[in-house]
């Protein structure tokens, strides 16, 4: 599984990667990485079928554990260009990267 720093994740998003936040809606509404699309892990297996296979996908959660599970799931489904954000949203915020939401 490929894991990237928050800074690398942001660079990939700027280059066209899709950023998927797999936390629950209440967590996402509080604060999320700028540009992240919500797809809760609890619904991920069903919703992931809508994800493009021809675009890089970067996953993020609070600390990296749930997004790691989602990353592995996509790899198991045959997705090739997938990465997990090390440290998740906590590391994204600590790095001073842009966020959105009620606490942003």
N, C-alpha and C. Protein backbone atom coordinates (compact mmCIF):
# COMPACT_ATOMS: atom_id res chain seq x y z
N UNK A 1 0.85 -1.18 0.00
CA UNK A 1 0.00 0.00 0.00
C UNK A 1 0.89 1.24 0.00
N UNK A 2 0.56 2.16 -0.89
CA UNK A 2 1.32 3.41 -0.96
C UNK A 2 0.77 4.40 0.06
N UNK A 3 1.67 4.97 0.87
CA UNK A 3 1.27 5.98 1.85
C UNK A 3 2.04 7.25 1.55
N UNK A 4 1.34 8.38 1.64
CA UNK A 4 1.95 9.66 1.31
C UNK A 4 1.75 10.65 2.46
N UNK A 5 2.64 11.61 2.57
CA UNK A 5 2.52 12.66 3.57
C UNK A 5 1.35 13.56 3.20
N UNK A 6 0.84 14.33 4.14
CA UNK A 6 -0.21 15.28 3.80
C UNK A 6 0.22 16.25 2.69
N UNK A 7 1.47 16.68 2.73
CA UNK A 7 1.96 17.59 1.70
C UNK A 7 1.94 16.93 0.32
N UNK A 8 2.38 15.67 0.27
CA UNK A 8 2.36 14.93 -0.99
C UNK A 8 0.92 14.69 -1.46
N UNK A 9 0.03 14.41 -0.50
CA UNK A 9 -1.39 14.22 -0.84
C UNK A 9 -1.94 15.49 -1.49
N UNK A 10 -1.63 16.64 -0.89
CA UNK A 10 -2.12 17.91 -1.43
C UNK A 10 -1.56 18.13 -2.84
N UNK A 11 -0.29 17.83 -3.05
CA UNK A 11 0.31 17.98 -4.37
C UNK A 11 -0.39 17.10 -5.40
N UNK A 12 -0.70 15.89 -5.01
CA UNK A 12 -1.38 14.96 -5.93
C UNK A 12 -2.77 15.46 -6.27
N UNK A 13 -3.47 16.02 -5.28
CA UNK A 13 -4.80 16.58 -5.52
C UNK A 13 -4.69 17.76 -6.48
N UNK A 14 -3.70 18.60 -6.27
CA UNK A 14 -3.48 19.74 -7.18
C UNK A 14 -3.18 19.28 -8.60
N UNK A 15 -2.62 18.08 -8.71
CA UNK A 15 -2.29 17.53 -10.03
C UNK A 15 -3.43 16.70 -10.62
N UNK A 16 -4.58 16.68 -9.92
CA UNK A 16 -5.74 16.00 -10.49
C UNK A 16 -6.26 14.79 -9.74
N UNK A 17 -5.60 14.40 -8.66
CA UNK A 17 -6.09 13.25 -7.88
C UNK A 17 -7.38 13.62 -7.15
N UNK A 18 -8.17 12.61 -6.90
CA UNK A 18 -9.42 12.76 -6.17
C UNK A 18 -9.13 12.47 -4.70
N UNK A 19 -9.53 13.40 -3.80
CA UNK A 19 -9.30 13.22 -2.36
C UNK A 19 -10.60 12.77 -1.72
N UNK A 20 -10.59 11.58 -1.12
CA UNK A 20 -11.77 10.99 -0.50
C UNK A 20 -11.57 10.87 1.01
N UNK A 21 -12.48 11.48 1.76
CA UNK A 21 -12.47 11.43 3.23
C UNK A 21 -13.44 10.33 3.66
N UNK A 22 -12.94 9.33 4.39
CA UNK A 22 -13.78 8.18 4.74
C UNK A 22 -14.32 8.25 6.18
N UNK A 23 -14.22 9.41 6.81
CA UNK A 23 -14.80 9.57 8.16
C UNK A 23 -16.31 9.71 8.04
N UNK A 24 -16.98 9.73 9.18
CA UNK A 24 -18.43 9.90 9.19
C UNK A 24 -18.77 11.38 8.96
N UNK A 25 -20.01 11.63 8.57
CA UNK A 25 -20.45 12.98 8.19
C UNK A 25 -20.21 14.02 9.28
N UNK A 26 -20.46 13.66 10.55
CA UNK A 26 -20.28 14.63 11.63
C UNK A 26 -18.83 15.05 11.77
N UNK A 27 -17.90 14.11 11.58
CA UNK A 27 -16.48 14.42 11.65
C UNK A 27 -16.08 15.32 10.48
N UNK A 28 -16.58 14.97 9.31
CA UNK A 28 -16.29 15.72 8.08
C UNK A 28 -16.78 17.16 8.19
N UNK A 29 -17.99 17.33 8.74
CA UNK A 29 -18.57 18.67 8.86
C UNK A 29 -17.76 19.56 9.81
N UNK A 30 -17.15 18.96 10.83
CA UNK A 30 -16.33 19.73 11.77
C UNK A 30 -15.12 20.33 11.05
N UNK A 31 -14.36 19.48 10.41
CA UNK A 31 -13.17 19.93 9.67
C UNK A 31 -12.75 18.84 8.70
N UNK A 32 -12.36 19.26 7.50
CA UNK A 32 -11.83 18.31 6.52
C UNK A 32 -10.82 19.01 5.62
N UNK A 33 -9.98 18.21 5.00
CA UNK A 33 -8.99 18.75 4.06
C UNK A 33 -9.73 19.44 2.93
N UNK A 34 -9.22 20.60 2.54
CA UNK A 34 -9.86 21.36 1.47
C UNK A 34 -9.97 20.51 0.21
N UNK A 35 -11.18 20.46 -0.34
CA UNK A 35 -11.42 19.73 -1.58
C UNK A 35 -11.78 18.27 -1.40
N UNK A 36 -11.77 17.78 -0.15
CA UNK A 36 -12.07 16.37 0.09
C UNK A 36 -13.55 16.08 -0.13
N UNK A 37 -13.82 14.95 -0.72
CA UNK A 37 -15.19 14.47 -0.95
C UNK A 37 -15.51 13.41 0.10
N UNK A 38 -16.66 13.53 0.73
CA UNK A 38 -17.06 12.59 1.78
C UNK A 38 -17.58 11.28 1.20
N UNK A 39 -17.03 10.18 1.72
CA UNK A 39 -17.51 8.84 1.39
C UNK A 39 -17.24 7.98 2.63
N UNK A 40 -18.16 8.02 3.62
CA UNK A 40 -17.92 7.34 4.90
C UNK A 40 -17.56 5.86 4.74
N UNK A 41 -16.63 5.41 5.58
CA UNK A 41 -16.21 4.02 5.52
C UNK A 41 -17.39 3.07 5.70
N UNK A 42 -18.39 3.48 6.49
CA UNK A 42 -19.56 2.64 6.72
C UNK A 42 -20.36 2.40 5.43
N UNK A 43 -20.18 3.23 4.43
CA UNK A 43 -20.88 3.09 3.14
C UNK A 43 -19.90 2.89 1.99
N UNK A 44 -18.62 2.78 2.32
CA UNK A 44 -17.58 2.83 1.30
C UNK A 44 -17.66 1.70 0.28
N UNK A 45 -17.91 0.48 0.74
CA UNK A 45 -17.92 -0.64 -0.20
C UNK A 45 -18.97 -0.46 -1.29
N UNK A 46 -20.12 0.10 -0.93
CA UNK A 46 -21.19 0.33 -1.91
C UNK A 46 -20.86 1.54 -2.78
N UNK A 47 -20.49 2.65 -2.15
CA UNK A 47 -20.25 3.89 -2.89
C UNK A 47 -18.98 3.87 -3.73
N UNK A 48 -18.02 3.05 -3.36
CA UNK A 48 -16.74 3.06 -4.07
C UNK A 48 -16.87 2.64 -5.53
N UNK A 49 -17.93 1.96 -5.87
CA UNK A 49 -18.13 1.56 -7.27
C UNK A 49 -18.24 2.77 -8.19
N UNK A 50 -18.57 3.93 -7.63
CA UNK A 50 -18.69 5.15 -8.44
C UNK A 50 -17.35 5.85 -8.66
N UNK A 51 -16.29 5.38 -8.01
CA UNK A 51 -14.99 6.02 -8.15
C UNK A 51 -14.35 5.67 -9.49
N UNK A 52 -13.72 6.65 -10.12
CA UNK A 52 -13.09 6.40 -11.42
C UNK A 52 -11.86 5.52 -11.28
N UNK A 53 -11.63 4.69 -12.27
CA UNK A 53 -10.44 3.83 -12.26
C UNK A 53 -9.29 4.48 -13.02
N UNK A 54 -9.60 5.56 -13.74
CA UNK A 54 -8.58 6.21 -14.57
C UNK A 54 -8.06 7.51 -13.94
N UNK A 55 -8.30 7.70 -12.66
CA UNK A 55 -7.86 8.90 -11.94
C UNK A 55 -7.25 8.45 -10.62
N UNK A 56 -6.16 9.10 -10.22
CA UNK A 56 -5.55 8.76 -8.94
C UNK A 56 -6.51 9.10 -7.81
N UNK A 57 -6.53 8.26 -6.78
CA UNK A 57 -7.38 8.47 -5.62
C UNK A 57 -6.50 8.50 -4.38
N UNK A 58 -6.67 9.56 -3.58
CA UNK A 58 -5.96 9.69 -2.31
C UNK A 58 -7.02 9.64 -1.22
N UNK A 59 -6.83 8.77 -0.23
CA UNK A 59 -7.79 8.62 0.85
C UNK A 59 -7.26 9.24 2.13
N UNK A 60 -8.20 9.76 2.94
CA UNK A 60 -7.85 10.41 4.19
C UNK A 60 -8.94 10.14 5.22
N UNK A 61 -8.55 10.06 6.49
CA UNK A 61 -9.51 9.95 7.60
C UNK A 61 -8.99 10.82 8.73
N UNK A 62 -9.21 10.44 9.96
CA UNK A 62 -8.73 11.25 11.08
C UNK A 62 -7.23 11.06 11.28
N UNK A 63 -6.80 9.78 11.35
CA UNK A 63 -5.40 9.51 11.66
C UNK A 63 -4.69 8.61 10.64
N UNK A 64 -5.44 8.05 9.72
CA UNK A 64 -4.84 7.19 8.69
C UNK A 64 -5.26 5.74 8.75
N UNK A 65 -5.91 5.31 9.83
CA UNK A 65 -6.29 3.90 9.97
C UNK A 65 -7.46 3.52 9.07
N UNK A 66 -8.56 4.27 9.16
CA UNK A 66 -9.74 3.95 8.34
C UNK A 66 -9.44 4.13 6.85
N UNK A 67 -8.70 5.18 6.53
CA UNK A 67 -8.37 5.39 5.11
C UNK A 67 -7.43 4.30 4.61
N UNK A 68 -6.63 3.73 5.52
CA UNK A 68 -5.80 2.59 5.14
C UNK A 68 -6.65 1.39 4.77
N UNK A 69 -7.72 1.16 5.54
CA UNK A 69 -8.64 0.06 5.21
C UNK A 69 -9.30 0.30 3.85
N UNK A 70 -9.71 1.54 3.60
CA UNK A 70 -10.36 1.87 2.32
C UNK A 70 -9.37 1.74 1.17
N UNK A 71 -8.13 2.16 1.40
CA UNK A 71 -7.10 2.03 0.38
C UNK A 71 -6.90 0.56 0.01
N UNK A 72 -6.79 -0.29 1.02
CA UNK A 72 -6.60 -1.72 0.77
C UNK A 72 -7.80 -2.30 0.05
N UNK A 73 -9.00 -1.88 0.42
CA UNK A 73 -10.20 -2.36 -0.26
C UNK A 73 -10.15 -2.03 -1.75
N UNK A 74 -9.78 -0.79 -2.08
CA UNK A 74 -9.71 -0.40 -3.49
C UNK A 74 -8.64 -1.21 -4.23
N UNK A 75 -7.50 -1.41 -3.58
CA UNK A 75 -6.45 -2.23 -4.20
C UNK A 75 -6.96 -3.64 -4.47
N UNK A 76 -7.71 -4.19 -3.51
CA UNK A 76 -8.29 -5.53 -3.67
C UNK A 76 -9.31 -5.58 -4.80
N UNK A 77 -9.92 -4.43 -5.11
CA UNK A 77 -10.91 -4.35 -6.19
C UNK A 77 -10.26 -4.08 -7.54
N UNK A 78 -8.94 -4.00 -7.57
CA UNK A 78 -8.23 -3.82 -8.82
C UNK A 78 -7.84 -2.39 -9.16
N UNK A 79 -8.10 -1.46 -8.25
CA UNK A 79 -7.64 -0.08 -8.47
C UNK A 79 -6.13 -0.08 -8.35
N UNK A 80 -5.47 0.72 -9.17
CA UNK A 80 -4.01 0.72 -9.19
C UNK A 80 -3.43 1.99 -8.58
N UNK A 81 -3.98 3.13 -8.92
CA UNK A 81 -3.43 4.41 -8.50
C UNK A 81 -4.17 4.93 -7.26
N UNK A 82 -3.79 4.37 -6.10
CA UNK A 82 -4.46 4.67 -4.84
C UNK A 82 -3.40 4.90 -3.76
N UNK A 83 -3.62 5.90 -2.91
CA UNK A 83 -2.68 6.17 -1.82
C UNK A 83 -3.43 6.56 -0.55
N UNK A 84 -2.83 6.23 0.58
CA UNK A 84 -3.36 6.59 1.89
C UNK A 84 -2.56 7.77 2.44
N UNK A 85 -3.26 8.72 3.07
CA UNK A 85 -2.60 9.88 3.67
C UNK A 85 -2.12 9.54 5.08
N UNK A 86 -0.81 9.53 5.28
CA UNK A 86 -0.23 9.23 6.59
C UNK A 86 -0.64 10.29 7.61
N UNK A 87 -1.15 9.85 8.75
CA UNK A 87 -1.52 10.77 9.81
C UNK A 87 -2.87 11.43 9.62
N UNK A 88 -3.50 11.23 8.48
CA UNK A 88 -4.85 11.71 8.22
C UNK A 88 -5.04 13.21 8.37
N UNK A 89 -6.27 13.57 8.72
CA UNK A 89 -6.65 14.98 8.85
C UNK A 89 -5.87 15.65 9.97
N UNK A 90 -5.55 14.91 11.03
CA UNK A 90 -4.75 15.49 12.12
C UNK A 90 -3.40 15.98 11.60
N UNK A 91 -2.74 15.16 10.79
CA UNK A 91 -1.45 15.54 10.23
C UNK A 91 -1.61 16.65 9.19
N UNK A 92 -2.70 16.60 8.43
CA UNK A 92 -2.99 17.64 7.43
C UNK A 92 -3.09 19.00 8.14
N UNK A 93 -3.85 19.04 9.24
CA UNK A 93 -4.00 20.28 10.00
C UNK A 93 -2.67 20.71 10.62
N UNK A 94 -1.95 19.78 11.20
CA UNK A 94 -0.67 20.08 11.85
C UNK A 94 0.34 20.66 10.86
N UNK A 95 0.21 20.25 9.59
CA UNK A 95 1.11 20.76 8.55
C UNK A 95 0.68 22.15 8.05
N UNK A 96 -0.46 22.62 8.57
CA UNK A 96 -0.93 23.94 8.16
C UNK A 96 -1.57 24.00 6.80
N UNK A 97 -1.99 22.84 6.30
CA UNK A 97 -2.61 22.79 4.98
C UNK A 97 -4.06 23.26 5.08
N UNK A 98 -4.66 23.75 3.99
CA UNK A 98 -6.00 24.34 4.04
C UNK A 98 -7.09 23.32 4.38
N UNK A 99 -8.01 23.77 5.25
CA UNK A 99 -9.14 22.94 5.64
C UNK A 99 -10.44 23.70 5.44
N UNK A 100 -11.53 22.95 5.49
CA UNK A 100 -12.88 23.50 5.38
C UNK A 100 -13.71 22.90 6.49
N UNK A 101 -14.86 23.51 6.80
CA UNK A 101 -15.75 22.98 7.81
C UNK A 101 -15.94 23.97 8.95
N UNK A 102 -16.73 23.57 9.93
CA UNK A 102 -17.09 24.45 11.04
C UNK A 102 -15.89 24.91 11.85
N UNK A 103 -14.88 24.05 11.98
CA UNK A 103 -13.70 24.40 12.79
C UNK A 103 -12.52 24.86 11.96
N UNK A 104 -12.72 25.02 10.67
CA UNK A 104 -11.60 25.40 9.79
C UNK A 104 -11.16 26.83 10.04
